[in-house]
PDBML (XML) file of the C-alpha atoms, coordinates in Angstrom:
<?xml version="1.0" encoding="UTF-8" ?>
<PDBx:datablock datablockName="MODEL"
   xmlns:PDBx="http://pdbml.pdb.org/schema/pdbx-v50.xsd"
   xmlns:xsi="http://www.w3.org/2001/XMLSchema-instance"
   xsi:schemaLocation="http://pdbml.pdb.org/schema/pdbx-v50.xsd pdbx-v50.xsd">
   <PDBx:atom_siteCategory>
      <PDBx:atom_site id="1">
         <PDBx:B_iso_or_equiv>0.00</PDBx:B_iso_or_equiv>
         <PDBx:Cartn_x>-10.910</PDBx:Cartn_x>
         <PDBx:Cartn_y>8.285</PDBx:Cartn_y>
         <PDBx:Cartn_z>4.676</PDBx:Cartn_z>
         <PDBx:auth_asym_id>A</PDBx:auth_asym_id>
         <PDBx:auth_atom_id>CA</PDBx:auth_atom_id>
         <PDBx:auth_comp_id>LEU</PDBx:auth_comp_id>
         <PDBx:auth_seq_id>1</PDBx:auth_seq_id>
         <PDBx:group_PDB>ATOM</PDBx:group_PDB>
         <PDBx:label_alt_id xsi:nil="true" />
         <PDBx:label_asym_id>A</PDBx:label_asym_id>
         <PDBx:label_atom_id>CA</PDBx:label_atom_id>
         <PDBx:label_comp_id>LEU</PDBx:label_comp_id>
         <PDBx:label_entity_id>1</PDBx:label_entity_id>
         <PDBx:label_seq_id>1</PDBx:label_seq_id>
         <PDBx:occupancy>1.00</PDBx:occupancy>
         <PDBx:pdbx_PDB_model_num>1</PDBx:pdbx_PDB_model_num>
         <PDBx:type_symbol>C</PDBx:type_symbol>
      </PDBx:atom_site>
      <PDBx:atom_site id="2">
         <PDBx:B_iso_or_equiv>0.00</PDBx:B_iso_or_equiv>
         <PDBx:Cartn_x>-8.463</PDBx:Cartn_x>
         <PDBx:Cartn_y>6.082</PDBx:Cartn_y>
         <PDBx:Cartn_z>6.147</PDBx:Cartn_z>
         <PDBx:auth_asym_id>A</PDBx:auth_asym_id>
         <PDBx:auth_atom_id>CA</PDBx:auth_atom_id>
         <PDBx:auth_comp_id>LEU</PDBx:auth_comp_id>
         <PDBx:auth_seq_id>2</PDBx:auth_seq_id>
         <PDBx:group_PDB>ATOM</PDBx:group_PDB>
         <PDBx:label_alt_id xsi:nil="true" />
         <PDBx:label_asym_id>A</PDBx:label_asym_id>
         <PDBx:label_atom_id>CA</PDBx:label_atom_id>
         <PDBx:label_comp_id>LEU</PDBx:label_comp_id>
         <PDBx:label_entity_id>1</PDBx:label_entity_id>
         <PDBx:label_seq_id>2</PDBx:label_seq_id>
         <PDBx:occupancy>1.00</PDBx:occupancy>
         <PDBx:pdbx_PDB_model_num>1</PDBx:pdbx_PDB_model_num>
         <PDBx:type_symbol>C</PDBx:type_symbol>
      </PDBx:atom_site>
      <PDBx:atom_site id="3">
         <PDBx:B_iso_or_equiv>0.00</PDBx:B_iso_or_equiv>
         <PDBx:Cartn_x>-9.952</PDBx:Cartn_x>
         <PDBx:Cartn_y>2.959</PDBx:Cartn_y>
         <PDBx:Cartn_z>5.535</PDBx:Cartn_z>
         <PDBx:auth_asym_id>A</PDBx:auth_asym_id>
         <PDBx:auth_atom_id>CA</PDBx:auth_atom_id>
         <PDBx:auth_comp_id>ILE</PDBx:auth_comp_id>
         <PDBx:auth_seq_id>3</PDBx:auth_seq_id>
         <PDBx:group_PDB>ATOM</PDBx:group_PDB>
         <PDBx:label_alt_id xsi:nil="true" />
         <PDBx:label_asym_id>A</PDBx:label_asym_id>
         <PDBx:label_atom_id>CA</PDBx:label_atom_id>
         <PDBx:label_comp_id>ILE</PDBx:label_comp_id>
         <PDBx:label_entity_id>1</PDBx:label_entity_id>
         <PDBx:label_seq_id>3</PDBx:label_seq_id>
         <PDBx:occupancy>1.00</PDBx:occupancy>
         <PDBx:pdbx_PDB_model_num>1</PDBx:pdbx_PDB_model_num>
         <PDBx:type_symbol>C</PDBx:type_symbol>
      </PDBx:atom_site>
      <PDBx:atom_site id="4">
         <PDBx:B_iso_or_equiv>0.00</PDBx:B_iso_or_equiv>
         <PDBx:Cartn_x>-9.173</PDBx:Cartn_x>
         <PDBx:Cartn_y>1.823</PDBx:Cartn_y>
         <PDBx:Cartn_z>1.967</PDBx:Cartn_z>
         <PDBx:auth_asym_id>A</PDBx:auth_asym_id>
         <PDBx:auth_atom_id>CA</PDBx:auth_atom_id>
         <PDBx:auth_comp_id>PRO</PDBx:auth_comp_id>
         <PDBx:auth_seq_id>4</PDBx:auth_seq_id>
         <PDBx:group_PDB>ATOM</PDBx:group_PDB>
         <PDBx:label_alt_id xsi:nil="true" />
         <PDBx:label_asym_id>A</PDBx:label_asym_id>
         <PDBx:label_atom_id>CA</PDBx:label_atom_id>
         <PDBx:label_comp_id>PRO</PDBx:label_comp_id>
         <PDBx:label_entity_id>1</PDBx:label_entity_id>
         <PDBx:label_seq_id>4</PDBx:label_seq_id>
         <PDBx:occupancy>1.00</PDBx:occupancy>
         <PDBx:pdbx_PDB_model_num>1</PDBx:pdbx_PDB_model_num>
         <PDBx:type_symbol>C</PDBx:type_symbol>
      </PDBx:atom_site>
      <PDBx:atom_site id="5">
         <PDBx:B_iso_or_equiv>0.00</PDBx:B_iso_or_equiv>
         <PDBx:Cartn_x>-12.178</PDBx:Cartn_x>
         <PDBx:Cartn_y>0.472</PDBx:Cartn_y>
         <PDBx:Cartn_z>-0.153</PDBx:Cartn_z>
         <PDBx:auth_asym_id>A</PDBx:auth_asym_id>
         <PDBx:auth_atom_id>CA</PDBx:auth_atom_id>
         <PDBx:auth_comp_id>ASN</PDBx:auth_comp_id>
         <PDBx:auth_seq_id>5</PDBx:auth_seq_id>
         <PDBx:group_PDB>ATOM</PDBx:group_PDB>
         <PDBx:label_alt_id xsi:nil="true" />
         <PDBx:label_asym_id>A</PDBx:label_asym_id>
         <PDBx:label_atom_id>CA</PDBx:label_atom_id>
         <PDBx:label_comp_id>ASN</PDBx:label_comp_id>
         <PDBx:label_entity_id>1</PDBx:label_entity_id>
         <PDBx:label_seq_id>5</PDBx:label_seq_id>
         <PDBx:occupancy>1.00</PDBx:occupancy>
         <PDBx:pdbx_PDB_model_num>1</PDBx:pdbx_PDB_model_num>
         <PDBx:type_symbol>C</PDBx:type_symbol>
      </PDBx:atom_site>
      <PDBx:atom_site id="6">
         <PDBx:B_iso_or_equiv>0.00</PDBx:B_iso_or_equiv>
         <PDBx:Cartn_x>-13.379</PDBx:Cartn_x>
         <PDBx:Cartn_y>-3.184</PDBx:Cartn_y>
         <PDBx:Cartn_z>-0.832</PDBx:Cartn_z>
         <PDBx:auth_asym_id>A</PDBx:auth_asym_id>
         <PDBx:auth_atom_id>CA</PDBx:auth_atom_id>
         <PDBx:auth_comp_id>SER</PDBx:auth_comp_id>
         <PDBx:auth_seq_id>6</PDBx:auth_seq_id>
         <PDBx:group_PDB>ATOM</PDBx:group_PDB>
         <PDBx:label_alt_id xsi:nil="true" />
         <PDBx:label_asym_id>A</PDBx:label_asym_id>
         <PDBx:label_atom_id>CA</PDBx:label_atom_id>
         <PDBx:label_comp_id>SER</PDBx:label_comp_id>
         <PDBx:label_entity_id>1</PDBx:label_entity_id>
         <PDBx:label_seq_id>6</PDBx:label_seq_id>
         <PDBx:occupancy>1.00</PDBx:occupancy>
         <PDBx:pdbx_PDB_model_num>1</PDBx:pdbx_PDB_model_num>
         <PDBx:type_symbol>C</PDBx:type_symbol>
      </PDBx:atom_site>
      <PDBx:atom_site id="7">
         <PDBx:B_iso_or_equiv>0.00</PDBx:B_iso_or_equiv>
         <PDBx:Cartn_x>-11.157</PDBx:Cartn_x>
         <PDBx:Cartn_y>-3.253</PDBx:Cartn_y>
         <PDBx:Cartn_z>-4.194</PDBx:Cartn_z>
         <PDBx:auth_asym_id>A</PDBx:auth_asym_id>
         <PDBx:auth_atom_id>CA</PDBx:auth_atom_id>
         <PDBx:auth_comp_id>ALA</PDBx:auth_comp_id>
         <PDBx:auth_seq_id>7</PDBx:auth_seq_id>
         <PDBx:group_PDB>ATOM</PDBx:group_PDB>
         <PDBx:label_alt_id xsi:nil="true" />
         <PDBx:label_asym_id>A</PDBx:label_asym_id>
         <PDBx:label_atom_id>CA</PDBx:label_atom_id>
         <PDBx:label_comp_id>ALA</PDBx:label_comp_id>
         <PDBx:label_entity_id>1</PDBx:label_entity_id>
         <PDBx:label_seq_id>7</PDBx:label_seq_id>
         <PDBx:occupancy>1.00</PDBx:occupancy>
         <PDBx:pdbx_PDB_model_num>1</PDBx:pdbx_PDB_model_num>
         <PDBx:type_symbol>C</PDBx:type_symbol>
      </PDBx:atom_site>
      <PDBx:atom_site id="8">
         <PDBx:B_iso_or_equiv>0.00</PDBx:B_iso_or_equiv>
         <PDBx:Cartn_x>-7.903</PDBx:Cartn_x>
         <PDBx:Cartn_y>-1.874</PDBx:Cartn_y>
         <PDBx:Cartn_z>-2.446</PDBx:Cartn_z>
         <PDBx:auth_asym_id>A</PDBx:auth_asym_id>
         <PDBx:auth_atom_id>CA</PDBx:auth_atom_id>
         <PDBx:auth_comp_id>GLU</PDBx:auth_comp_id>
         <PDBx:auth_seq_id>8</PDBx:auth_seq_id>
         <PDBx:group_PDB>ATOM</PDBx:group_PDB>
         <PDBx:label_alt_id xsi:nil="true" />
         <PDBx:label_asym_id>A</PDBx:label_asym_id>
         <PDBx:label_atom_id>CA</PDBx:label_atom_id>
         <PDBx:label_comp_id>GLU</PDBx:label_comp_id>
         <PDBx:label_entity_id>1</PDBx:label_entity_id>
         <PDBx:label_seq_id>8</PDBx:label_seq_id>
         <PDBx:occupancy>1.00</PDBx:occupancy>
         <PDBx:pdbx_PDB_model_num>1</PDBx:pdbx_PDB_model_num>
         <PDBx:type_symbol>C</PDBx:type_symbol>
      </PDBx:atom_site>
      <PDBx:atom_site id="9">
         <PDBx:B_iso_or_equiv>0.00</PDBx:B_iso_or_equiv>
         <PDBx:Cartn_x>-8.325</PDBx:Cartn_x>
         <PDBx:Cartn_y>-4.621</PDBx:Cartn_y>
         <PDBx:Cartn_z>0.599</PDBx:Cartn_z>
         <PDBx:auth_asym_id>A</PDBx:auth_asym_id>
         <PDBx:auth_atom_id>CA</PDBx:auth_atom_id>
         <PDBx:auth_comp_id>ILE</PDBx:auth_comp_id>
         <PDBx:auth_seq_id>9</PDBx:auth_seq_id>
         <PDBx:group_PDB>ATOM</PDBx:group_PDB>
         <PDBx:label_alt_id xsi:nil="true" />
         <PDBx:label_asym_id>A</PDBx:label_asym_id>
         <PDBx:label_atom_id>CA</PDBx:label_atom_id>
         <PDBx:label_comp_id>ILE</PDBx:label_comp_id>
         <PDBx:label_entity_id>1</PDBx:label_entity_id>
         <PDBx:label_seq_id>9</PDBx:label_seq_id>
         <PDBx:occupancy>1.00</PDBx:occupancy>
         <PDBx:pdbx_PDB_model_num>1</PDBx:pdbx_PDB_model_num>
         <PDBx:type_symbol>C</PDBx:type_symbol>
      </PDBx:atom_site>
      <PDBx:atom_site id="10">
         <PDBx:B_iso_or_equiv>0.00</PDBx:B_iso_or_equiv>
         <PDBx:Cartn_x>-8.595</PDBx:Cartn_x>
         <PDBx:Cartn_y>-7.285</PDBx:Cartn_y>
         <PDBx:Cartn_z>-2.091</PDBx:Cartn_z>
         <PDBx:auth_asym_id>A</PDBx:auth_asym_id>
         <PDBx:auth_atom_id>CA</PDBx:auth_atom_id>
         <PDBx:auth_comp_id>VAL</PDBx:auth_comp_id>
         <PDBx:auth_seq_id>10</PDBx:auth_seq_id>
         <PDBx:group_PDB>ATOM</PDBx:group_PDB>
         <PDBx:label_alt_id xsi:nil="true" />
         <PDBx:label_asym_id>A</PDBx:label_asym_id>
         <PDBx:label_atom_id>CA</PDBx:label_atom_id>
         <PDBx:label_comp_id>VAL</PDBx:label_comp_id>
         <PDBx:label_entity_id>1</PDBx:label_entity_id>
         <PDBx:label_seq_id>10</PDBx:label_seq_id>
         <PDBx:occupancy>1.00</PDBx:occupancy>
         <PDBx:pdbx_PDB_model_num>1</PDBx:pdbx_PDB_model_num>
         <PDBx:type_symbol>C</PDBx:type_symbol>
      </PDBx:atom_site>
      <PDBx:atom_site id="11">
         <PDBx:B_iso_or_equiv>0.00</PDBx:B_iso_or_equiv>
         <PDBx:Cartn_x>-5.626</PDBx:Cartn_x>
         <PDBx:Cartn_y>-6.007</PDBx:Cartn_y>
         <PDBx:Cartn_z>-4.022</PDBx:Cartn_z>
         <PDBx:auth_asym_id>A</PDBx:auth_asym_id>
         <PDBx:auth_atom_id>CA</PDBx:auth_atom_id>
         <PDBx:auth_comp_id>GLU</PDBx:auth_comp_id>
         <PDBx:auth_seq_id>11</PDBx:auth_seq_id>
         <PDBx:group_PDB>ATOM</PDBx:group_PDB>
         <PDBx:label_alt_id xsi:nil="true" />
         <PDBx:label_asym_id>A</PDBx:label_asym_id>
         <PDBx:label_atom_id>CA</PDBx:label_atom_id>
         <PDBx:label_comp_id>GLU</PDBx:label_comp_id>
         <PDBx:label_entity_id>1</PDBx:label_entity_id>
         <PDBx:label_seq_id>11</PDBx:label_seq_id>
         <PDBx:occupancy>1.00</PDBx:occupancy>
         <PDBx:pdbx_PDB_model_num>1</PDBx:pdbx_PDB_model_num>
         <PDBx:type_symbol>C</PDBx:type_symbol>
      </PDBx:atom_site>
      <PDBx:atom_site id="12">
         <PDBx:B_iso_or_equiv>0.00</PDBx:B_iso_or_equiv>
         <PDBx:Cartn_x>-3.529</PDBx:Cartn_x>
         <PDBx:Cartn_y>-5.656</PDBx:Cartn_y>
         <PDBx:Cartn_z>-0.894</PDBx:Cartn_z>
         <PDBx:auth_asym_id>A</PDBx:auth_asym_id>
         <PDBx:auth_atom_id>CA</PDBx:auth_atom_id>
         <PDBx:auth_comp_id>ALA</PDBx:auth_comp_id>
         <PDBx:auth_seq_id>12</PDBx:auth_seq_id>
         <PDBx:group_PDB>ATOM</PDBx:group_PDB>
         <PDBx:label_alt_id xsi:nil="true" />
         <PDBx:label_asym_id>A</PDBx:label_asym_id>
         <PDBx:label_atom_id>CA</PDBx:label_atom_id>
         <PDBx:label_comp_id>ALA</PDBx:label_comp_id>
         <PDBx:label_entity_id>1</PDBx:label_entity_id>
         <PDBx:label_seq_id>12</PDBx:label_seq_id>
         <PDBx:occupancy>1.00</PDBx:occupancy>
         <PDBx:pdbx_PDB_model_num>1</PDBx:pdbx_PDB_model_num>
         <PDBx:type_symbol>C</PDBx:type_symbol>
      </PDBx:atom_site>
      <PDBx:atom_site id="13">
         <PDBx:B_iso_or_equiv>0.00</PDBx:B_iso_or_equiv>
         <PDBx:Cartn_x>-4.506</PDBx:Cartn_x>
         <PDBx:Cartn_y>-9.270</PDBx:Cartn_y>
         <PDBx:Cartn_z>0.573</PDBx:Cartn_z>
         <PDBx:auth_asym_id>A</PDBx:auth_asym_id>
         <PDBx:auth_atom_id>CA</PDBx:auth_atom_id>
         <PDBx:auth_comp_id>SER</PDBx:auth_comp_id>
         <PDBx:auth_seq_id>13</PDBx:auth_seq_id>
         <PDBx:group_PDB>ATOM</PDBx:group_PDB>
         <PDBx:label_alt_id xsi:nil="true" />
         <PDBx:label_asym_id>A</PDBx:label_asym_id>
         <PDBx:label_atom_id>CA</PDBx:label_atom_id>
         <PDBx:label_comp_id>SER</PDBx:label_comp_id>
         <PDBx:label_entity_id>1</PDBx:label_entity_id>
         <PDBx:label_seq_id>13</PDBx:label_seq_id>
         <PDBx:occupancy>1.00</PDBx:occupancy>
         <PDBx:pdbx_PDB_model_num>1</PDBx:pdbx_PDB_model_num>
         <PDBx:type_symbol>C</PDBx:type_symbol>
      </PDBx:atom_site>
      <PDBx:atom_site id="14">
         <PDBx:B_iso_or_equiv>0.00</PDBx:B_iso_or_equiv>
         <PDBx:Cartn_x>-3.533</PDBx:Cartn_x>
         <PDBx:Cartn_y>-10.813</PDBx:Cartn_y>
         <PDBx:Cartn_z>-2.740</PDBx:Cartn_z>
         <PDBx:auth_asym_id>A</PDBx:auth_asym_id>
         <PDBx:auth_atom_id>CA</PDBx:auth_atom_id>
         <PDBx:auth_comp_id>GLU</PDBx:auth_comp_id>
         <PDBx:auth_seq_id>14</PDBx:auth_seq_id>
         <PDBx:group_PDB>ATOM</PDBx:group_PDB>
         <PDBx:label_alt_id xsi:nil="true" />
         <PDBx:label_asym_id>A</PDBx:label_asym_id>
         <PDBx:label_atom_id>CA</PDBx:label_atom_id>
         <PDBx:label_comp_id>GLU</PDBx:label_comp_id>
         <PDBx:label_entity_id>1</PDBx:label_entity_id>
         <PDBx:label_seq_id>14</PDBx:label_seq_id>
         <PDBx:occupancy>1.00</PDBx:occupancy>
         <PDBx:pdbx_PDB_model_num>1</PDBx:pdbx_PDB_model_num>
         <PDBx:type_symbol>C</PDBx:type_symbol>
      </PDBx:atom_site>
      <PDBx:atom_site id="15">
         <PDBx:B_iso_or_equiv>0.00</PDBx:B_iso_or_equiv>
         <PDBx:Cartn_x>-0.061</PDBx:Cartn_x>
         <PDBx:Cartn_y>-9.127</PDBx:Cartn_y>
         <PDBx:Cartn_z>-2.928</PDBx:Cartn_z>
         <PDBx:auth_asym_id>A</PDBx:auth_asym_id>
         <PDBx:auth_atom_id>CA</PDBx:auth_atom_id>
         <PDBx:auth_comp_id>HIS</PDBx:auth_comp_id>
         <PDBx:auth_seq_id>15</PDBx:auth_seq_id>
         <PDBx:group_PDB>ATOM</PDBx:group_PDB>
         <PDBx:label_alt_id xsi:nil="true" />
         <PDBx:label_asym_id>A</PDBx:label_asym_id>
         <PDBx:label_atom_id>CA</PDBx:label_atom_id>
         <PDBx:label_comp_id>HIS</PDBx:label_comp_id>
         <PDBx:label_entity_id>1</PDBx:label_entity_id>
         <PDBx:label_seq_id>15</PDBx:label_seq_id>
         <PDBx:occupancy>1.00</PDBx:occupancy>
         <PDBx:pdbx_PDB_model_num>1</PDBx:pdbx_PDB_model_num>
         <PDBx:type_symbol>C</PDBx:type_symbol>
      </PDBx:atom_site>
      <PDBx:atom_site id="16">
         <PDBx:B_iso_or_equiv>0.00</PDBx:B_iso_or_equiv>
         <PDBx:Cartn_x>0.426</PDBx:Cartn_x>
         <PDBx:Cartn_y>-9.950</PDBx:Cartn_y>
         <PDBx:Cartn_z>0.752</PDBx:Cartn_z>
         <PDBx:auth_asym_id>A</PDBx:auth_asym_id>
         <PDBx:auth_atom_id>CA</PDBx:auth_atom_id>
         <PDBx:auth_comp_id>GLU</PDBx:auth_comp_id>
         <PDBx:auth_seq_id>16</PDBx:auth_seq_id>
         <PDBx:group_PDB>ATOM</PDBx:group_PDB>
         <PDBx:label_alt_id xsi:nil="true" />
         <PDBx:label_asym_id>A</PDBx:label_asym_id>
         <PDBx:label_atom_id>CA</PDBx:label_atom_id>
         <PDBx:label_comp_id>GLU</PDBx:label_comp_id>
         <PDBx:label_entity_id>1</PDBx:label_entity_id>
         <PDBx:label_seq_id>16</PDBx:label_seq_id>
         <PDBx:occupancy>1.00</PDBx:occupancy>
         <PDBx:pdbx_PDB_model_num>1</PDBx:pdbx_PDB_model_num>
         <PDBx:type_symbol>C</PDBx:type_symbol>
      </PDBx:atom_site>
      <PDBx:atom_site id="17">
         <PDBx:B_iso_or_equiv>0.00</PDBx:B_iso_or_equiv>
         <PDBx:Cartn_x>0.052</PDBx:Cartn_x>
         <PDBx:Cartn_y>-13.667</PDBx:Cartn_y>
         <PDBx:Cartn_z>-0.284</PDBx:Cartn_z>
         <PDBx:auth_asym_id>A</PDBx:auth_asym_id>
         <PDBx:auth_atom_id>CA</PDBx:auth_atom_id>
         <PDBx:auth_comp_id>ASP</PDBx:auth_comp_id>
         <PDBx:auth_seq_id>17</PDBx:auth_seq_id>
         <PDBx:group_PDB>ATOM</PDBx:group_PDB>
         <PDBx:label_alt_id xsi:nil="true" />
         <PDBx:label_asym_id>A</PDBx:label_asym_id>
         <PDBx:label_atom_id>CA</PDBx:label_atom_id>
         <PDBx:label_comp_id>ASP</PDBx:label_comp_id>
         <PDBx:label_entity_id>1</PDBx:label_entity_id>
         <PDBx:label_seq_id>17</PDBx:label_seq_id>
         <PDBx:occupancy>1.00</PDBx:occupancy>
         <PDBx:pdbx_PDB_model_num>1</PDBx:pdbx_PDB_model_num>
         <PDBx:type_symbol>C</PDBx:type_symbol>
      </PDBx:atom_site>
      <PDBx:atom_site id="18">
         <PDBx:B_iso_or_equiv>0.00</PDBx:B_iso_or_equiv>
         <PDBx:Cartn_x>2.845</PDBx:Cartn_x>
         <PDBx:Cartn_y>-13.254</PDBx:Cartn_y>
         <PDBx:Cartn_z>-2.785</PDBx:Cartn_z>
         <PDBx:auth_asym_id>A</PDBx:auth_asym_id>
         <PDBx:auth_atom_id>CA</PDBx:auth_atom_id>
         <PDBx:auth_comp_id>ARG</PDBx:auth_comp_id>
         <PDBx:auth_seq_id>18</PDBx:auth_seq_id>
         <PDBx:group_PDB>ATOM</PDBx:group_PDB>
         <PDBx:label_alt_id xsi:nil="true" />
         <PDBx:label_asym_id>A</PDBx:label_asym_id>
         <PDBx:label_atom_id>CA</PDBx:label_atom_id>
         <PDBx:label_comp_id>ARG</PDBx:label_comp_id>
         <PDBx:label_entity_id>1</PDBx:label_entity_id>
         <PDBx:label_seq_id>18</PDBx:label_seq_id>
         <PDBx:occupancy>1.00</PDBx:occupancy>
         <PDBx:pdbx_PDB_model_num>1</PDBx:pdbx_PDB_model_num>
         <PDBx:type_symbol>C</PDBx:type_symbol>
      </PDBx:atom_site>
      <PDBx:atom_site id="19">
         <PDBx:B_iso_or_equiv>0.00</PDBx:B_iso_or_equiv>
         <PDBx:Cartn_x>5.586</PDBx:Cartn_x>
         <PDBx:Cartn_y>-12.277</PDBx:Cartn_y>
         <PDBx:Cartn_z>-0.072</PDBx:Cartn_z>
         <PDBx:auth_asym_id>A</PDBx:auth_asym_id>
         <PDBx:auth_atom_id>CA</PDBx:auth_atom_id>
         <PDBx:auth_comp_id>PHE</PDBx:auth_comp_id>
         <PDBx:auth_seq_id>19</PDBx:auth_seq_id>
         <PDBx:group_PDB>ATOM</PDBx:group_PDB>
         <PDBx:label_alt_id xsi:nil="true" />
         <PDBx:label_asym_id>A</PDBx:label_asym_id>
         <PDBx:label_atom_id>CA</PDBx:label_atom_id>
         <PDBx:label_comp_id>PHE</PDBx:label_comp_id>
         <PDBx:label_entity_id>1</PDBx:label_entity_id>
         <PDBx:label_seq_id>19</PDBx:label_seq_id>
         <PDBx:occupancy>1.00</PDBx:occupancy>
         <PDBx:pdbx_PDB_model_num>1</PDBx:pdbx_PDB_model_num>
         <PDBx:type_symbol>C</PDBx:type_symbol>
      </PDBx:atom_site>
      <PDBx:atom_site id="20">
         <PDBx:B_iso_or_equiv>0.00</PDBx:B_iso_or_equiv>
         <PDBx:Cartn_x>7.785</PDBx:Cartn_x>
         <PDBx:Cartn_y>-14.679</PDBx:Cartn_y>
         <PDBx:Cartn_z>1.398</PDBx:Cartn_z>
         <PDBx:auth_asym_id>A</PDBx:auth_asym_id>
         <PDBx:auth_atom_id>CA</PDBx:auth_atom_id>
         <PDBx:auth_comp_id>GLY</PDBx:auth_comp_id>
         <PDBx:auth_seq_id>20</PDBx:auth_seq_id>
         <PDBx:group_PDB>ATOM</PDBx:group_PDB>
         <PDBx:label_alt_id xsi:nil="true" />
         <PDBx:label_asym_id>A</PDBx:label_asym_id>
         <PDBx:label_atom_id>CA</PDBx:label_atom_id>
         <PDBx:label_comp_id>GLY</PDBx:label_comp_id>
         <PDBx:label_entity_id>1</PDBx:label_entity_id>
         <PDBx:label_seq_id>20</PDBx:label_seq_id>
         <PDBx:occupancy>1.00</PDBx:occupancy>
         <PDBx:pdbx_PDB_model_num>1</PDBx:pdbx_PDB_model_num>
         <PDBx:type_symbol>C</PDBx:type_symbol>
      </PDBx:atom_site>
      <PDBx:atom_site id="21">
         <PDBx:B_iso_or_equiv>0.00</PDBx:B_iso_or_equiv>
         <PDBx:Cartn_x>9.982</PDBx:Cartn_x>
         <PDBx:Cartn_y>-17.796</PDBx:Cartn_y>
         <PDBx:Cartn_z>1.030</PDBx:Cartn_z>
         <PDBx:auth_asym_id>A</PDBx:auth_asym_id>
         <PDBx:auth_atom_id>CA</PDBx:auth_atom_id>
         <PDBx:auth_comp_id>GLY</PDBx:auth_comp_id>
         <PDBx:auth_seq_id>21</PDBx:auth_seq_id>
         <PDBx:group_PDB>ATOM</PDBx:group_PDB>
         <PDBx:label_alt_id xsi:nil="true" />
         <PDBx:label_asym_id>A</PDBx:label_asym_id>
         <PDBx:label_atom_id>CA</PDBx:label_atom_id>
         <PDBx:label_comp_id>GLY</PDBx:label_comp_id>
         <PDBx:label_entity_id>1</PDBx:label_entity_id>
         <PDBx:label_seq_id>21</PDBx:label_seq_id>
         <PDBx:occupancy>1.00</PDBx:occupancy>
         <PDBx:pdbx_PDB_model_num>1</PDBx:pdbx_PDB_model_num>
         <PDBx:type_symbol>C</PDBx:type_symbol>
      </PDBx:atom_site>
      <PDBx:atom_site id="22">
         <PDBx:B_iso_or_equiv>0.00</PDBx:B_iso_or_equiv>
         <PDBx:Cartn_x>13.147</PDBx:Cartn_x>
         <PDBx:Cartn_y>-18.202</PDBx:Cartn_y>
         <PDBx:Cartn_z>-0.246</PDBx:Cartn_z>
         <PDBx:auth_asym_id>A</PDBx:auth_asym_id>
         <PDBx:auth_atom_id>CA</PDBx:auth_atom_id>
         <PDBx:auth_comp_id>THR</PDBx:auth_comp_id>
         <PDBx:auth_seq_id>22</PDBx:auth_seq_id>
         <PDBx:group_PDB>ATOM</PDBx:group_PDB>
         <PDBx:label_alt_id xsi:nil="true" />
         <PDBx:label_asym_id>A</PDBx:label_asym_id>
         <PDBx:label_atom_id>CA</PDBx:label_atom_id>
         <PDBx:label_comp_id>THR</PDBx:label_comp_id>
         <PDBx:label_entity_id>1</PDBx:label_entity_id>
         <PDBx:label_seq_id>22</PDBx:label_seq_id>
         <PDBx:occupancy>1.00</PDBx:occupancy>
         <PDBx:pdbx_PDB_model_num>1</PDBx:pdbx_PDB_model_num>
         <PDBx:type_symbol>C</PDBx:type_symbol>
      </PDBx:atom_site>
      <PDBx:atom_site id="23">
         <PDBx:B_iso_or_equiv>0.00</PDBx:B_iso_or_equiv>
         <PDBx:Cartn_x>14.347</PDBx:Cartn_x>
         <PDBx:Cartn_y>-18.807</PDBx:Cartn_y>
         <PDBx:Cartn_z>-3.983</PDBx:Cartn_z>
         <PDBx:auth_asym_id>A</PDBx:auth_asym_id>
         <PDBx:auth_atom_id>CA</PDBx:auth_atom_id>
         <PDBx:auth_comp_id>MET</PDBx:auth_comp_id>
         <PDBx:auth_seq_id>23</PDBx:auth_seq_id>
         <PDBx:group_PDB>ATOM</PDBx:group_PDB>
         <PDBx:label_alt_id xsi:nil="true" />
         <PDBx:label_asym_id>A</PDBx:label_asym_id>
         <PDBx:label_atom_id>CA</PDBx:label_atom_id>
         <PDBx:label_comp_id>MET</PDBx:label_comp_id>
         <PDBx:label_entity_id>1</PDBx:label_entity_id>
         <PDBx:label_seq_id>23</PDBx:label_seq_id>
         <PDBx:occupancy>1.00</PDBx:occupancy>
         <PDBx:pdbx_PDB_model_num>1</PDBx:pdbx_PDB_model_num>
         <PDBx:type_symbol>C</PDBx:type_symbol>
      </PDBx:atom_site>
      <PDBx:atom_site id="24">
         <PDBx:B_iso_or_equiv>0.00</PDBx:B_iso_or_equiv>
         <PDBx:Cartn_x>17.204</PDBx:Cartn_x>
         <PDBx:Cartn_y>-21.401</PDBx:Cartn_y>
         <PDBx:Cartn_z>-4.137</PDBx:Cartn_z>
         <PDBx:auth_asym_id>A</PDBx:auth_asym_id>
         <PDBx:auth_atom_id>CA</PDBx:auth_atom_id>
         <PDBx:auth_comp_id>ASN</PDBx:auth_comp_id>
         <PDBx:auth_seq_id>24</PDBx:auth_seq_id>
         <PDBx:group_PDB>ATOM</PDBx:group_PDB>
         <PDBx:label_alt_id xsi:nil="true" />
         <PDBx:label_asym_id>A</PDBx:label_asym_id>
         <PDBx:label_atom_id>CA</PDBx:label_atom_id>
         <PDBx:label_comp_id>ASN</PDBx:label_comp_id>
         <PDBx:label_entity_id>1</PDBx:label_entity_id>
         <PDBx:label_seq_id>24</PDBx:label_seq_id>
         <PDBx:occupancy>1.00</PDBx:occupancy>
         <PDBx:pdbx_PDB_model_num>1</PDBx:pdbx_PDB_model_num>
         <PDBx:type_symbol>C</PDBx:type_symbol>
      </PDBx:atom_site>
   </PDBx:atom_siteCategory>
</PDBx:datablock>
């Protein structure tokens, strides 16, 4: 119940890659 399905894991991973950096 607590472990997300593979699609959710992929989506979370993709969004994780987007976070970070400084916009100058």
